Amino acid sequence: MTTTERLARFEAAQEVLGFLMAVRAEWIYIESKKAQPDASKIAQWEAEQKAFFEIEDGLRFDDQDGIEQVITTYGPVARRIFEAR
């Protein structure tokens, strides 16, 4: 794999995680604006958002296995959410 291809995969993994964090932020905002917000949903989404941030923060350009794992694990999740919009 060329450096350019590796960089593209690295950026794709970052984008997937960034999208999932942004979606959680949106869900948290929408839920918090309800007359009776569900605190357990908000707490769950905040925890998920934190976990995605920690994964993204730990990604390294030279860790192809980690990059591919993010894309394989979370890419389909992000795609389903994106397509449902």
N, C-alpha and C. Protein backbone atom coordinates (compact mmCIF):
# COMPACT_ATOMS: atom_id res chain seq x y z
N MET A 1 0.86 -1.16 0.00
CA MET A 1 0.00 0.00 0.00
C MET A 1 0.91 1.24 0.00
N THR A 2 0.59 2.18 -0.86
CA THR A 2 1.40 3.39 -0.94
C THR A 2 1.12 4.30 0.26
N THR A 3 1.98 5.26 0.46
CA THR A 3 1.78 6.24 1.54
C THR A 3 0.48 6.99 1.33
N THR A 4 0.17 7.34 0.10
CA THR A 4 -1.07 8.05 -0.19
C THR A 4 -2.29 7.20 0.16
N GLU A 5 -2.23 5.93 -0.16
CA GLU A 5 -3.34 5.02 0.17
C GLU A 5 -3.45 4.85 1.68
N ARG A 6 -2.33 4.72 2.35
CA ARG A 6 -2.35 4.59 3.81
C ARG A 6 -2.94 5.85 4.45
N LEU A 7 -2.56 7.01 3.92
CA LEU A 7 -3.09 8.28 4.44
C LEU A 7 -4.60 8.36 4.22
N ALA A 8 -5.05 7.92 3.06
CA ALA A 8 -6.49 7.94 2.76
C ALA A 8 -7.25 7.04 3.73
N ARG A 9 -6.72 5.88 4.05
CA ARG A 9 -7.37 4.97 5.00
C ARG A 9 -7.38 5.57 6.40
N PHE A 10 -6.27 6.21 6.78
CA PHE A 10 -6.17 6.86 8.09
C PHE A 10 -7.23 7.96 8.20
N GLU A 11 -7.32 8.79 7.16
CA GLU A 11 -8.32 9.86 7.16
C GLU A 11 -9.74 9.32 7.14
N ALA A 12 -9.96 8.21 6.44
CA ALA A 12 -11.29 7.60 6.42
C ALA A 12 -11.68 7.14 7.82
N ALA A 13 -10.76 6.53 8.53
CA ALA A 13 -11.04 6.09 9.91
C ALA A 13 -11.36 7.30 10.79
N GLN A 14 -10.60 8.38 10.64
CA GLN A 14 -10.87 9.59 11.42
C GLN A 14 -12.25 10.16 11.09
N GLU A 15 -12.60 10.16 9.81
CA GLU A 15 -13.90 10.68 9.39
C GLU A 15 -15.05 9.85 9.94
N VAL A 16 -14.91 8.55 9.92
CA VAL A 16 -15.95 7.66 10.46
C VAL A 16 -16.17 7.97 11.93
N LEU A 17 -15.10 8.04 12.69
CA LEU A 17 -15.23 8.32 14.12
C LEU A 17 -15.77 9.72 14.37
N GLY A 18 -15.31 10.69 13.59
CA GLY A 18 -15.81 12.05 13.73
C GLY A 18 -17.30 12.14 13.46
N PHE A 19 -17.75 11.41 12.42
CA PHE A 19 -19.17 11.39 12.10
C PHE A 19 -19.97 10.78 13.24
N LEU A 20 -19.49 9.67 13.79
CA LEU A 20 -20.21 9.02 14.88
C LEU A 20 -20.25 9.90 16.13
N MET A 21 -19.19 10.64 16.39
CA MET A 21 -19.20 11.57 17.53
C MET A 21 -20.20 12.70 17.29
N ALA A 22 -20.24 13.21 16.07
CA ALA A 22 -21.16 14.30 15.74
C ALA A 22 -22.61 13.84 15.83
N VAL A 23 -22.89 12.64 15.39
CA VAL A 23 -24.25 12.10 15.48
C VAL A 23 -24.67 11.99 16.94
N ARG A 24 -23.76 11.49 17.78
CA ARG A 24 -24.09 11.39 19.21
C ARG A 24 -24.37 12.78 19.78
N ALA A 25 -23.59 13.77 19.39
CA ALA A 25 -23.83 15.14 19.87
C ALA A 25 -25.21 15.63 19.44
N GLU A 26 -25.59 15.32 18.22
CA GLU A 26 -26.91 15.70 17.72
C GLU A 26 -28.01 15.00 18.52
N TRP A 27 -27.85 13.70 18.74
CA TRP A 27 -28.85 12.95 19.50
C TRP A 27 -28.97 13.50 20.92
N ILE A 28 -27.84 13.80 21.53
CA ILE A 28 -27.84 14.36 22.89
C ILE A 28 -28.59 15.68 22.91
N TYR A 29 -28.30 16.52 21.94
CA TYR A 29 -28.97 17.83 21.87
C TYR A 29 -30.48 17.67 21.70
N ILE A 30 -30.88 16.83 20.77
CA ILE A 30 -32.32 16.62 20.52
C ILE A 30 -33.01 16.07 21.76
N GLU A 31 -32.41 15.09 22.40
CA GLU A 31 -33.01 14.49 23.59
C GLU A 31 -33.08 15.50 24.73
N SER A 32 -32.06 16.31 24.88
CA SER A 32 -32.03 17.28 25.98
C SER A 32 -33.08 18.38 25.82
N LYS A 33 -33.55 18.60 24.60
CA LYS A 33 -34.56 19.63 24.34
C LYS A 33 -35.99 19.12 24.57
N LYS A 34 -36.14 17.83 24.79
CA LYS A 34 -37.47 17.27 25.03
C LYS A 34 -37.99 17.71 26.39
N ALA A 35 -39.31 17.72 26.52
CA ALA A 35 -39.94 18.12 27.79
C ALA A 35 -39.44 17.23 28.94
N GLN A 36 -39.29 15.95 28.67
CA GLN A 36 -38.78 15.02 29.67
C GLN A 36 -37.67 14.18 29.04
N PRO A 37 -36.46 14.73 29.02
CA PRO A 37 -35.35 14.00 28.40
C PRO A 37 -35.05 12.70 29.14
N ASP A 38 -34.63 11.71 28.38
CA ASP A 38 -34.26 10.41 28.93
C ASP A 38 -32.77 10.48 29.32
N ALA A 39 -32.53 10.64 30.59
CA ALA A 39 -31.15 10.80 31.08
C ALA A 39 -30.29 9.58 30.79
N SER A 40 -30.89 8.39 30.75
CA SER A 40 -30.10 7.19 30.48
C SER A 40 -29.61 7.16 29.03
N LYS A 41 -30.46 7.61 28.10
CA LYS A 41 -30.03 7.71 26.70
C LYS A 41 -28.89 8.71 26.56
N ILE A 42 -29.06 9.85 27.20
CA ILE A 42 -28.02 10.89 27.13
C ILE A 42 -26.70 10.37 27.70
N ALA A 43 -26.76 9.71 28.83
CA ALA A 43 -25.55 9.16 29.45
C ALA A 43 -24.90 8.11 28.54
N GLN A 44 -25.71 7.27 27.92
CA GLN A 44 -25.18 6.25 27.01
C GLN A 44 -24.48 6.90 25.83
N TRP A 45 -25.13 7.89 25.22
CA TRP A 45 -24.55 8.55 24.06
C TRP A 45 -23.30 9.35 24.42
N GLU A 46 -23.28 9.93 25.60
CA GLU A 46 -22.07 10.63 26.05
C GLU A 46 -20.92 9.65 26.23
N ALA A 47 -21.21 8.48 26.77
CA ALA A 47 -20.18 7.45 26.95
C ALA A 47 -19.67 6.96 25.60
N GLU A 48 -20.59 6.75 24.66
CA GLU A 48 -20.19 6.31 23.32
C GLU A 48 -19.34 7.39 22.64
N GLN A 49 -19.76 8.63 22.79
CA GLN A 49 -19.02 9.75 22.21
C GLN A 49 -17.59 9.79 22.78
N LYS A 50 -17.47 9.60 24.07
CA LYS A 50 -16.16 9.60 24.71
C LYS A 50 -15.31 8.43 24.20
N ALA A 51 -15.93 7.28 24.06
CA ALA A 51 -15.20 6.10 23.56
C ALA A 51 -14.69 6.33 22.14
N PHE A 52 -15.53 6.92 21.28
CA PHE A 52 -15.10 7.22 19.91
C PHE A 52 -13.95 8.21 19.91
N PHE A 53 -14.02 9.21 20.78
CA PHE A 53 -12.93 10.18 20.88
C PHE A 53 -11.64 9.49 21.30
N GLU A 54 -11.72 8.61 22.27
CA GLU A 54 -10.52 7.93 22.74
C GLU A 54 -9.92 7.03 21.65
N ILE A 55 -10.78 6.38 20.88
CA ILE A 55 -10.28 5.56 19.77
C ILE A 55 -9.59 6.45 18.75
N GLU A 56 -10.23 7.55 18.40
CA GLU A 56 -9.65 8.47 17.43
C GLU A 56 -8.33 9.05 17.94
N ASP A 57 -8.30 9.41 19.19
CA ASP A 57 -7.10 9.97 19.79
C ASP A 57 -5.95 8.97 19.77
N GLY A 58 -6.27 7.69 19.83
CA GLY A 58 -5.25 6.65 19.85
C GLY A 58 -4.82 6.17 18.47
N LEU A 59 -5.52 6.61 17.42
CA LEU A 59 -5.15 6.17 16.07
C LEU A 59 -3.78 6.72 15.69
N ARG A 60 -3.00 5.90 15.05
CA ARG A 60 -1.69 6.30 14.58
C ARG A 60 -1.54 5.90 13.11
N PHE A 61 -0.92 6.77 12.36
CA PHE A 61 -0.75 6.55 10.93
C PHE A 61 -0.06 5.23 10.63
N ASP A 62 0.86 4.81 11.48
CA ASP A 62 1.61 3.58 11.23
C ASP A 62 0.93 2.32 11.79
N ASP A 63 -0.28 2.46 12.30
CA ASP A 63 -1.03 1.32 12.84
C ASP A 63 -2.13 0.92 11.86
N GLN A 64 -1.72 0.28 10.77
CA GLN A 64 -2.69 -0.11 9.74
C GLN A 64 -3.75 -1.05 10.26
N ASP A 65 -3.37 -1.96 11.16
CA ASP A 65 -4.36 -2.88 11.71
C ASP A 65 -5.44 -2.13 12.49
N GLY A 66 -5.03 -1.17 13.29
CA GLY A 66 -5.98 -0.38 14.06
C GLY A 66 -6.88 0.45 13.16
N ILE A 67 -6.30 1.03 12.11
CA ILE A 67 -7.07 1.82 11.15
C ILE A 67 -8.10 0.96 10.45
N GLU A 68 -7.67 -0.21 9.99
CA GLU A 68 -8.60 -1.11 9.30
C GLU A 68 -9.69 -1.63 10.24
N GLN A 69 -9.33 -1.84 11.49
CA GLN A 69 -10.33 -2.30 12.46
C GLN A 69 -11.41 -1.24 12.66
N VAL A 70 -11.01 0.03 12.75
CA VAL A 70 -11.99 1.11 12.89
C VAL A 70 -12.91 1.15 11.68
N ILE A 71 -12.34 1.08 10.49
CA ILE A 71 -13.14 1.15 9.27
C ILE A 71 -14.09 -0.05 9.17
N THR A 72 -13.58 -1.22 9.48
CA THR A 72 -14.39 -2.44 9.40
C THR A 72 -15.49 -2.47 10.45
N THR A 73 -15.16 -2.05 11.66
CA THR A 73 -16.12 -2.10 12.76
C THR A 73 -17.16 -0.99 12.70
N TYR A 74 -16.69 0.23 12.49
CA TYR A 74 -17.58 1.39 12.60
C TYR A 74 -18.05 1.96 11.27
N GLY A 75 -17.37 1.62 10.18
CA GLY A 75 -17.79 2.11 8.87
C GLY A 75 -19.22 1.72 8.52
N PRO A 76 -19.59 0.44 8.67
CA PRO A 76 -20.97 0.05 8.36
C PRO A 76 -22.00 0.74 9.27
N VAL A 77 -21.64 0.97 10.51
CA VAL A 77 -22.55 1.66 11.44
C VAL A 77 -22.77 3.09 10.96
N ALA A 78 -21.69 3.77 10.61
CA ALA A 78 -21.79 5.14 10.12
C ALA A 78 -22.59 5.19 8.82
N ARG A 79 -22.36 4.24 7.94
CA ARG A 79 -23.08 4.21 6.66
C ARG A 79 -24.58 4.05 6.89
N ARG A 80 -24.97 3.14 7.79
CA ARG A 80 -26.41 2.94 8.07
C ARG A 80 -27.05 4.22 8.60
N ILE A 81 -26.38 4.88 9.52
CA ILE A 81 -26.92 6.13 10.08
C ILE A 81 -27.02 7.19 9.00
N PHE A 82 -25.97 7.31 8.20
CA PHE A 82 -25.94 8.33 7.13
C PHE A 82 -27.05 8.08 6.11
N GLU A 83 -27.23 6.83 5.73
CA GLU A 83 -28.25 6.49 4.71
C GLU A 83 -29.66 6.65 5.25
N ALA A 84 -29.83 6.54 6.56
CA ALA A 84 -31.16 6.68 7.17
C ALA A 84 -31.59 8.14 7.27
N ARG A 85 -30.68 9.06 7.05
CA ARG A 85 -31.01 10.48 7.18
C ARG A 85 -31.76 11.00 6.00
